[in-house]
Amino acid sequence: MPRDPYTQTLEALDALYAALPTILCKKQCQASCGVIVMTRVEWLRLQRYMGYRPKDKCTLVCPLLRRGCCSVYPVRPLICRLWGVSELMPCPWGCIPERWVTDAEGTAWIRRVEELSAALFPGRAVAGAPLQQEVLETLQDATLPQRRSTDV
């Protein structure tokens, strides 16, 4: 019996993710976990993994962190997987990957994940996850302190 398109997409995502270099993480990067962009298929995968639809907590910190650790680490989106292994997003705490992902490689991985999502959700896949939209709307509605000209 053939697998459903969602399962096939997840298998393709897993294969792409498995090709990324590994990194020996010191688990100090949680301060870097904030508002992120992900594809619709990655968002759906997070929801199914958690068993519910996460809500934003009106903060710039990722609402999926629990006690300083990623609560969805096995199914985290590509952008989180690129953190610390991409030349453009090196770990500020000195974690070094087995090899660096170049900008061109990172862009190719992002495009491939977007293509997989677009095949599953035509016309709606690349706009980002609903969580990102909720966070952006929350930030627009929030009263944030005004930046002073002396702030850098």
N, C-alpha and C. Protein backbone atom coordinates (compact mmCIF):
# COMPACT_ATOMS: atom_id res chain seq x y z
N MET A 1 0.85 -1.18 0.00
CA MET A 1 0.00 0.00 0.00
C MET A 1 0.90 1.25 0.00
N PRO A 2 0.66 2.20 -0.92
CA PRO A 2 1.49 3.40 -0.98
C PRO A 2 1.28 4.28 0.25
N ARG A 3 2.36 4.97 0.62
CA ARG A 3 2.29 5.89 1.77
C ARG A 3 1.58 7.17 1.36
N ASP A 4 0.96 7.83 2.30
CA ASP A 4 0.27 9.07 2.02
C ASP A 4 1.29 10.19 1.75
N PRO A 5 0.88 11.26 1.08
CA PRO A 5 1.82 12.34 0.73
C PRO A 5 2.47 13.00 1.95
N TYR A 6 1.75 13.13 3.05
CA TYR A 6 2.32 13.73 4.26
C TYR A 6 3.48 12.88 4.78
N THR A 7 3.28 11.57 4.86
CA THR A 7 4.33 10.67 5.33
C THR A 7 5.53 10.70 4.39
N GLN A 8 5.27 10.73 3.09
CA GLN A 8 6.35 10.81 2.11
C GLN A 8 7.14 12.11 2.29
N THR A 9 6.44 13.21 2.55
CA THR A 9 7.11 14.49 2.75
C THR A 9 7.96 14.46 4.01
N LEU A 10 7.44 13.87 5.09
CA LEU A 10 8.22 13.77 6.32
C LEU A 10 9.46 12.92 6.12
N GLU A 11 9.35 11.85 5.37
CA GLU A 11 10.51 11.02 5.08
C GLU A 11 11.56 11.80 4.29
N ALA A 12 11.11 12.61 3.34
CA ALA A 12 12.03 13.44 2.56
C ALA A 12 12.68 14.50 3.45
N LEU A 13 11.90 15.10 4.36
CA LEU A 13 12.46 16.06 5.32
C LEU A 13 13.53 15.40 6.18
N ASP A 14 13.21 14.23 6.70
CA ASP A 14 14.17 13.52 7.55
C ASP A 14 15.47 13.23 6.80
N ALA A 15 15.36 12.87 5.52
CA ALA A 15 16.55 12.60 4.72
C ALA A 15 17.38 13.88 4.54
N LEU A 16 16.71 15.01 4.29
CA LEU A 16 17.43 16.28 4.18
C LEU A 16 18.09 16.65 5.50
N TYR A 17 17.35 16.53 6.58
CA TYR A 17 17.88 16.86 7.90
C TYR A 17 19.08 15.98 8.25
N ALA A 18 19.02 14.71 7.88
CA ALA A 18 20.10 13.77 8.20
C ALA A 18 21.40 14.14 7.46
N ALA A 19 21.28 14.86 6.36
CA ALA A 19 22.46 15.24 5.59
C ALA A 19 23.18 16.45 6.19
N LEU A 20 22.55 17.14 7.14
CA LEU A 20 23.19 18.28 7.78
C LEU A 20 24.33 17.82 8.69
N PRO A 21 25.36 18.62 8.79
CA PRO A 21 26.45 18.27 9.72
C PRO A 21 25.95 18.28 11.17
N THR A 22 26.61 17.51 12.00
CA THR A 22 26.26 17.50 13.42
C THR A 22 27.14 18.49 14.16
N ILE A 23 26.74 18.79 15.38
CA ILE A 23 27.48 19.72 16.22
C ILE A 23 27.40 19.24 17.66
N LEU A 24 28.50 19.32 18.36
CA LEU A 24 28.50 18.98 19.77
C LEU A 24 28.06 20.24 20.52
N CYS A 25 26.81 20.26 20.91
CA CYS A 25 26.18 21.45 21.49
C CYS A 25 26.44 21.55 22.99
N LYS A 26 26.80 22.76 23.42
CA LYS A 26 27.03 23.03 24.84
C LYS A 26 25.73 23.42 25.56
N LYS A 27 24.63 23.48 24.82
CA LYS A 27 23.30 23.81 25.36
C LYS A 27 23.28 25.18 26.04
N GLN A 28 23.89 26.16 25.38
CA GLN A 28 23.89 27.53 25.89
C GLN A 28 23.18 28.50 24.95
N CYS A 29 22.59 27.99 23.89
CA CYS A 29 22.08 28.87 22.84
C CYS A 29 20.61 29.24 23.00
N GLN A 30 19.96 28.86 24.08
CA GLN A 30 18.53 29.13 24.21
C GLN A 30 18.19 30.61 24.12
N ALA A 31 19.13 31.49 24.46
CA ALA A 31 18.87 32.92 24.33
C ALA A 31 18.74 33.33 22.86
N SER A 32 19.20 32.49 21.96
CA SER A 32 19.11 32.75 20.53
C SER A 32 17.82 32.22 19.93
N CYS A 33 17.06 31.48 20.69
CA CYS A 33 15.81 30.89 20.20
C CYS A 33 14.70 31.92 20.30
N GLY A 34 14.29 32.44 19.18
CA GLY A 34 13.26 33.47 19.16
C GLY A 34 12.26 33.22 18.06
N VAL A 35 11.71 34.27 17.54
CA VAL A 35 10.74 34.20 16.46
C VAL A 35 11.44 33.61 15.24
N ILE A 36 10.88 32.57 14.67
CA ILE A 36 11.49 31.92 13.51
C ILE A 36 10.48 31.75 12.39
N VAL A 37 10.99 31.52 11.22
CA VAL A 37 10.17 31.22 10.05
C VAL A 37 10.31 29.74 9.77
N MET A 38 9.19 29.11 9.47
CA MET A 38 9.22 27.70 9.08
C MET A 38 8.15 27.47 8.03
N THR A 39 8.26 26.37 7.34
CA THR A 39 7.26 26.04 6.33
C THR A 39 6.02 25.46 7.01
N ARG A 40 4.95 25.42 6.26
CA ARG A 40 3.69 24.89 6.79
C ARG A 40 3.83 23.42 7.19
N VAL A 41 4.57 22.64 6.42
CA VAL A 41 4.73 21.22 6.77
C VAL A 41 5.53 21.08 8.07
N GLU A 42 6.52 21.94 8.28
CA GLU A 42 7.26 21.89 9.54
C GLU A 42 6.36 22.29 10.71
N TRP A 43 5.50 23.28 10.50
CA TRP A 43 4.57 23.72 11.53
C TRP A 43 3.58 22.60 11.88
N LEU A 44 3.04 21.95 10.85
CA LEU A 44 2.12 20.84 11.08
C LEU A 44 2.80 19.70 11.83
N ARG A 45 4.03 19.43 11.46
CA ARG A 45 4.79 18.38 12.14
C ARG A 45 4.99 18.69 13.63
N LEU A 46 5.29 19.95 13.93
CA LEU A 46 5.42 20.35 15.34
C LEU A 46 4.12 20.14 16.10
N GLN A 47 3.02 20.56 15.48
CA GLN A 47 1.72 20.41 16.13
C GLN A 47 1.39 18.94 16.40
N ARG A 48 1.62 18.11 15.41
CA ARG A 48 1.32 16.68 15.59
C ARG A 48 2.22 16.05 16.64
N TYR A 49 3.47 16.47 16.68
CA TYR A 49 4.42 15.96 17.68
C TYR A 49 3.96 16.35 19.09
N MET A 50 3.52 17.59 19.23
CA MET A 50 3.11 18.09 20.55
C MET A 50 1.70 17.65 20.93
N GLY A 51 0.86 17.40 19.94
CA GLY A 51 -0.52 17.02 20.23
C GLY A 51 -1.45 18.21 20.40
N TYR A 52 -0.95 19.41 20.15
CA TYR A 52 -1.78 20.61 20.21
C TYR A 52 -1.09 21.72 19.44
N ARG A 53 -1.80 22.82 19.24
CA ARG A 53 -1.25 23.96 18.52
C ARG A 53 -0.65 24.94 19.52
N PRO A 54 0.68 25.09 19.53
CA PRO A 54 1.31 26.01 20.48
C PRO A 54 0.87 27.45 20.25
N LYS A 55 0.84 28.19 21.30
CA LYS A 55 0.50 29.62 21.23
C LYS A 55 1.70 30.44 21.65
N ASP A 56 1.77 31.64 21.13
CA ASP A 56 2.83 32.56 21.52
C ASP A 56 2.55 33.10 22.91
N LYS A 57 3.61 33.39 23.64
CA LYS A 57 3.49 33.93 24.99
C LYS A 57 3.80 35.41 25.02
N CYS A 58 3.65 36.10 23.87
CA CYS A 58 3.89 37.54 23.76
C CYS A 58 5.31 37.88 24.20
N THR A 59 6.25 37.16 23.63
CA THR A 59 7.65 37.38 23.95
C THR A 59 8.48 37.10 22.71
N LEU A 60 9.68 37.56 22.70
CA LEU A 60 10.58 37.28 21.58
C LEU A 60 11.32 35.97 21.77
N VAL A 61 11.06 35.28 22.87
CA VAL A 61 11.67 33.98 23.14
C VAL A 61 10.78 32.89 22.56
N CYS A 62 11.38 31.88 22.00
CA CYS A 62 10.62 30.79 21.40
C CYS A 62 9.68 30.17 22.44
N PRO A 63 8.39 30.08 22.15
CA PRO A 63 7.45 29.50 23.10
C PRO A 63 7.59 27.99 23.25
N LEU A 64 8.47 27.38 22.45
CA LEU A 64 8.65 25.93 22.52
C LEU A 64 9.81 25.53 23.43
N LEU A 65 10.47 26.52 24.04
CA LEU A 65 11.52 26.22 25.01
C LEU A 65 10.88 25.82 26.33
N ARG A 66 11.43 24.78 26.95
CA ARG A 66 10.98 24.32 28.26
C ARG A 66 12.22 24.16 29.13
N ARG A 67 12.29 24.94 30.20
CA ARG A 67 13.44 24.92 31.11
C ARG A 67 14.76 25.08 30.35
N GLY A 68 14.76 25.96 29.36
CA GLY A 68 15.96 26.25 28.61
C GLY A 68 16.31 25.26 27.52
N CYS A 69 15.44 24.27 27.28
CA CYS A 69 15.71 23.26 26.25
C CYS A 69 14.57 23.23 25.23
N CYS A 70 14.88 22.83 24.04
CA CYS A 70 13.89 22.73 22.97
C CYS A 70 12.97 21.54 23.25
N SER A 71 11.68 21.82 23.35
CA SER A 71 10.71 20.75 23.63
C SER A 71 10.33 19.96 22.38
N VAL A 72 10.76 20.43 21.21
CA VAL A 72 10.43 19.76 19.95
C VAL A 72 11.71 19.41 19.18
N TYR A 73 12.79 19.22 19.89
CA TYR A 73 14.10 19.02 19.27
C TYR A 73 14.10 17.96 18.16
N PRO A 74 13.47 16.80 18.34
CA PRO A 74 13.51 15.79 17.27
C PRO A 74 12.83 16.23 15.97
N VAL A 75 11.90 17.19 16.05
CA VAL A 75 11.17 17.63 14.87
C VAL A 75 11.35 19.13 14.62
N ARG A 76 12.40 19.71 15.18
CA ARG A 76 12.64 21.14 15.02
C ARG A 76 12.78 21.48 13.53
N PRO A 77 12.38 22.70 13.16
CA PRO A 77 12.45 23.09 11.75
C PRO A 77 13.89 23.31 11.27
N LEU A 78 14.02 23.45 9.97
CA LEU A 78 15.34 23.57 9.35
C LEU A 78 16.14 24.74 9.90
N ILE A 79 15.52 25.89 10.10
CA ILE A 79 16.27 27.05 10.56
C ILE A 79 16.95 26.76 11.89
N CYS A 80 16.31 26.00 12.76
CA CYS A 80 16.92 25.62 14.04
C CYS A 80 18.06 24.64 13.83
N ARG A 81 17.92 23.79 12.85
CA ARG A 81 18.96 22.81 12.54
C ARG A 81 20.19 23.46 11.92
N LEU A 82 19.99 24.58 11.23
CA LEU A 82 21.11 25.28 10.62
C LEU A 82 21.89 26.12 11.63
N TRP A 83 21.25 26.46 12.75
CA TRP A 83 21.92 27.27 13.78
C TRP A 83 23.18 26.54 14.27
N GLY A 84 24.28 27.23 14.21
CA GLY A 84 25.53 26.67 14.72
C GLY A 84 26.32 25.88 13.70
N VAL A 85 25.67 25.46 12.61
CA VAL A 85 26.40 24.71 11.58
C VAL A 85 26.56 25.53 10.30
N SER A 86 25.82 26.62 10.20
CA SER A 86 25.90 27.48 9.03
C SER A 86 26.97 28.54 9.23
N GLU A 87 27.72 28.82 8.18
CA GLU A 87 28.73 29.88 8.24
C GLU A 87 28.08 31.22 8.61
N LEU A 88 26.81 31.41 8.22
CA LEU A 88 26.11 32.65 8.49
C LEU A 88 25.51 32.71 9.89
N MET A 89 25.43 31.57 10.58
CA MET A 89 24.86 31.51 11.93
C MET A 89 25.75 30.69 12.85
N PRO A 90 26.99 31.13 13.05
CA PRO A 90 27.88 30.36 13.93
C PRO A 90 27.44 30.48 15.38
N CYS A 91 27.77 29.48 16.15
CA CYS A 91 27.44 29.49 17.58
C CYS A 91 28.33 30.49 18.30
N PRO A 92 27.73 31.43 19.02
CA PRO A 92 28.56 32.39 19.76
C PRO A 92 29.21 31.81 21.01
N TRP A 93 28.88 30.57 21.35
CA TRP A 93 29.45 29.93 22.54
C TRP A 93 30.56 28.94 22.19
N GLY A 94 30.99 28.96 20.94
CA GLY A 94 32.14 28.17 20.55
C GLY A 94 31.88 26.74 20.12
N CYS A 95 30.64 26.35 19.95
CA CYS A 95 30.35 25.00 19.44
C CYS A 95 30.75 24.97 17.96
N ILE A 96 31.46 23.93 17.57
CA ILE A 96 31.97 23.82 16.20
C ILE A 96 31.35 22.58 15.55
N PRO A 97 30.77 22.74 14.36
CA PRO A 97 30.19 21.59 13.66
C PRO A 97 31.26 20.71 13.05
N GLU A 98 30.85 19.50 12.65
CA GLU A 98 31.80 18.61 11.97
C GLU A 98 32.28 19.22 10.67
N ARG A 99 31.46 20.07 10.06
CA ARG A 99 31.85 20.88 8.91
C ARG A 99 30.85 22.02 8.80
N TRP A 100 31.29 23.12 8.21
CA TRP A 100 30.42 24.29 8.06
C TRP A 100 29.54 24.16 6.83
N VAL A 101 28.31 24.58 6.95
CA VAL A 101 27.38 24.67 5.82
C VAL A 101 27.58 26.04 5.19
N THR A 102 27.87 26.06 3.90
CA THR A 102 28.06 27.34 3.20
C THR A 102 26.71 28.02 3.00
N ASP A 103 26.77 29.30 2.66
CA ASP A 103 25.55 30.06 2.37
C ASP A 103 24.77 29.39 1.23
N ALA A 104 25.49 28.97 0.18
CA ALA A 104 24.84 28.33 -0.97
C ALA A 104 24.16 27.02 -0.56
N GLU A 105 24.83 26.24 0.26
CA GLU A 105 24.24 24.98 0.73
C GLU A 105 23.00 25.24 1.59
N GLY A 106 23.12 26.19 2.51
CA GLY A 106 21.99 26.52 3.37
C GLY A 106 20.79 26.99 2.57
N THR A 107 21.05 27.84 1.58
CA THR A 107 19.98 28.33 0.71
C THR A 107 19.34 27.18 -0.06
N ALA A 108 20.15 26.25 -0.54
CA ALA A 108 19.62 25.09 -1.27
C ALA A 108 18.76 24.21 -0.36
N TRP A 109 19.19 24.01 0.88
CA TRP A 109 18.40 23.22 1.83
C TRP A 109 17.07 23.92 2.11
N ILE A 110 17.11 25.23 2.32
CA ILE A 110 15.88 25.97 2.58
C ILE A 110 14.92 25.85 1.40
N ARG A 111 15.44 26.02 0.20
CA ARG A 111 14.59 25.91 -1.00
C ARG A 111 13.99 24.51 -1.12
N ARG A 112 14.76 23.50 -0.83
CA ARG A 112 14.26 22.12 -0.94
C ARG A 112 13.13 21.87 0.06
N VAL A 113 13.29 22.35 1.29
CA VAL A 113 12.23 22.19 2.29
C VAL A 113 10.99 22.98 1.86
N GLU A 114 11.18 24.18 1.32
CA GLU A 114 10.05 24.96 0.82
C GLU A 114 9.34 24.23 -0.33
N GLU A 115 10.11 23.60 -1.22
CA GLU A 115 9.52 22.83 -2.33
C GLU A 115 8.70 21.65 -1.81
N LEU A 116 9.23 20.95 -0.82
CA LEU A 116 8.50 19.83 -0.25
C LEU A 116 7.18 20.30 0.36
N SER A 117 7.24 21.40 1.07
CA SER A 117 6.04 21.94 1.70
C SER A 117 5.05 22.42 0.64
N ALA A 118 5.56 23.09 -0.40
CA ALA A 118 4.70 23.59 -1.46
C ALA A 118 4.00 22.47 -2.20
N ALA A 119 4.67 21.34 -2.35
CA ALA A 119 4.04 20.19 -3.01
C ALA A 119 2.87 19.65 -2.19
N LEU A 120 2.99 19.74 -0.88
CA LEU A 120 1.94 19.25 0.01
C LEU A 120 0.84 20.30 0.20
N PHE A 121 1.22 21.57 0.22
CA PHE A 121 0.29 22.68 0.44
C PHE A 121 0.46 23.70 -0.67
N PRO A 122 -0.02 23.42 -1.87
CA PRO A 122 0.17 24.35 -2.99
C PRO A 122 -0.38 25.75 -2.67
N GLY A 123 0.45 26.75 -2.95
CA GLY A 123 0.03 28.12 -2.77
C GLY A 123 0.08 28.66 -1.35
N ARG A 124 0.33 27.80 -0.36
CA ARG A 124 0.31 28.27 1.03
C ARG A 124 1.53 27.82 1.81
N ALA A 125 2.45 27.15 1.20
CA ALA A 125 3.49 26.46 1.94
C ALA A 125 4.65 27.33 2.40
N VAL A 126 4.98 28.35 1.67
CA VAL A 126 6.22 29.05 1.93
C VAL A 126 6.01 30.33 2.74
N ALA A 127 4.79 30.67 3.01
CA ALA A 127 4.51 31.93 3.71
C ALA A 127 4.94 31.89 5.17
N GLY A 128 5.31 30.75 5.67
CA GLY A 128 5.70 30.64 7.07
C GLY A 128 4.58 30.02 7.88
N ALA A 129 4.92 29.64 9.06
CA ALA A 129 3.96 28.94 9.91
C ALA A 129 2.99 29.91 10.56
N PRO A 130 1.81 29.42 10.92
CA PRO A 130 0.86 30.27 11.64
C PRO A 130 1.45 30.85 12.92
N LEU A 131 2.32 30.11 13.60
CA LEU A 131 2.92 30.63 14.82
C LEU A 131 3.70 31.90 14.54
N GLN A 132 4.44 31.91 13.44
CA GLN A 132 5.19 33.11 13.08
C GLN A 132 4.23 34.26 12.87
N GLN A 133 3.13 34.04 12.17
CA GLN A 133 2.16 35.11 11.93
C GLN A 133 1.56 35.59 13.25
N GLU A 134 1.24 34.66 14.15
CA GLU A 134 0.70 35.04 15.45
C GLU A 134 1.71 35.88 16.22
N VAL A 135 2.98 35.49 16.17
CA VAL A 135 4.01 36.25 16.88
C VAL A 135 4.12 37.65 16.29
N LEU A 136 4.14 37.74 14.96
CA LEU A 136 4.24 39.05 14.33
C LEU A 136 3.05 39.93 14.68
N GLU A 137 1.84 39.36 14.65
CA GLU A 137 0.65 40.12 15.02
C GLU A 137 0.72 40.55 16.47
N THR A 138 1.19 39.68 17.33
CA THR A 138 1.32 40.01 18.75
C THR A 138 2.29 41.17 18.93
N LEU A 139 3.41 41.10 18.21
CA LEU A 139 4.40 42.17 18.33
C LEU A 139 3.86 43.49 17.81
N GLN A 140 3.06 43.44 16.76
CA GLN A 140 2.47 44.67 16.23
C GLN A 140 1.49 45.27 17.22
N ASP A 141 0.77 44.43 17.95
CA ASP A 141 -0.22 44.89 18.91
C ASP A 141 0.39 45.27 20.25
N ALA A 142 1.57 44.74 20.54
CA ALA A 142 2.18 44.96 21.85
C ALA A 142 2.70 46.39 21.97
N THR A 143 2.69 46.88 23.18
CA THR A 143 3.30 48.17 23.46
C THR A 143 4.75 47.91 23.80
N LEU A 144 5.61 48.19 22.86
CA LEU A 144 7.04 47.97 23.06
C LEU A 144 7.69 49.30 23.40
N PRO A 145 8.71 49.28 24.26
CA PRO A 145 9.39 50.53 24.59
C PRO A 145 9.97 51.17 23.34
N GLN A 146 9.87 52.47 23.26
CA GLN A 146 10.42 53.19 22.12
C GLN A 146 11.93 53.23 22.24
N ARG A 147 12.58 53.05 21.14
CA ARG A 147 14.05 53.07 21.12
C ARG A 147 14.51 54.52 21.16
N ARG A 148 15.46 54.80 22.02
CA ARG A 148 16.02 56.14 22.12
C ARG A 148 17.16 56.27 21.11
N SER A 149 17.45 57.46 20.73
CA SER A 149 18.52 57.68 19.73
C SER A 149 19.89 57.27 20.30
N THR A 150 20.00 57.20 21.64
CA THR A 150 21.27 56.80 22.24
C THR A 150 21.41 55.29 22.34
N ASP A 151 20.32 54.55 22.10
CA ASP A 151 20.38 53.08 22.12
C ASP A 151 21.08 52.60 20.87
N VAL A 152 21.92 51.61 21.04
CA VAL A 152 22.63 51.07 19.88
C VAL A 152 22.11 49.70 19.57
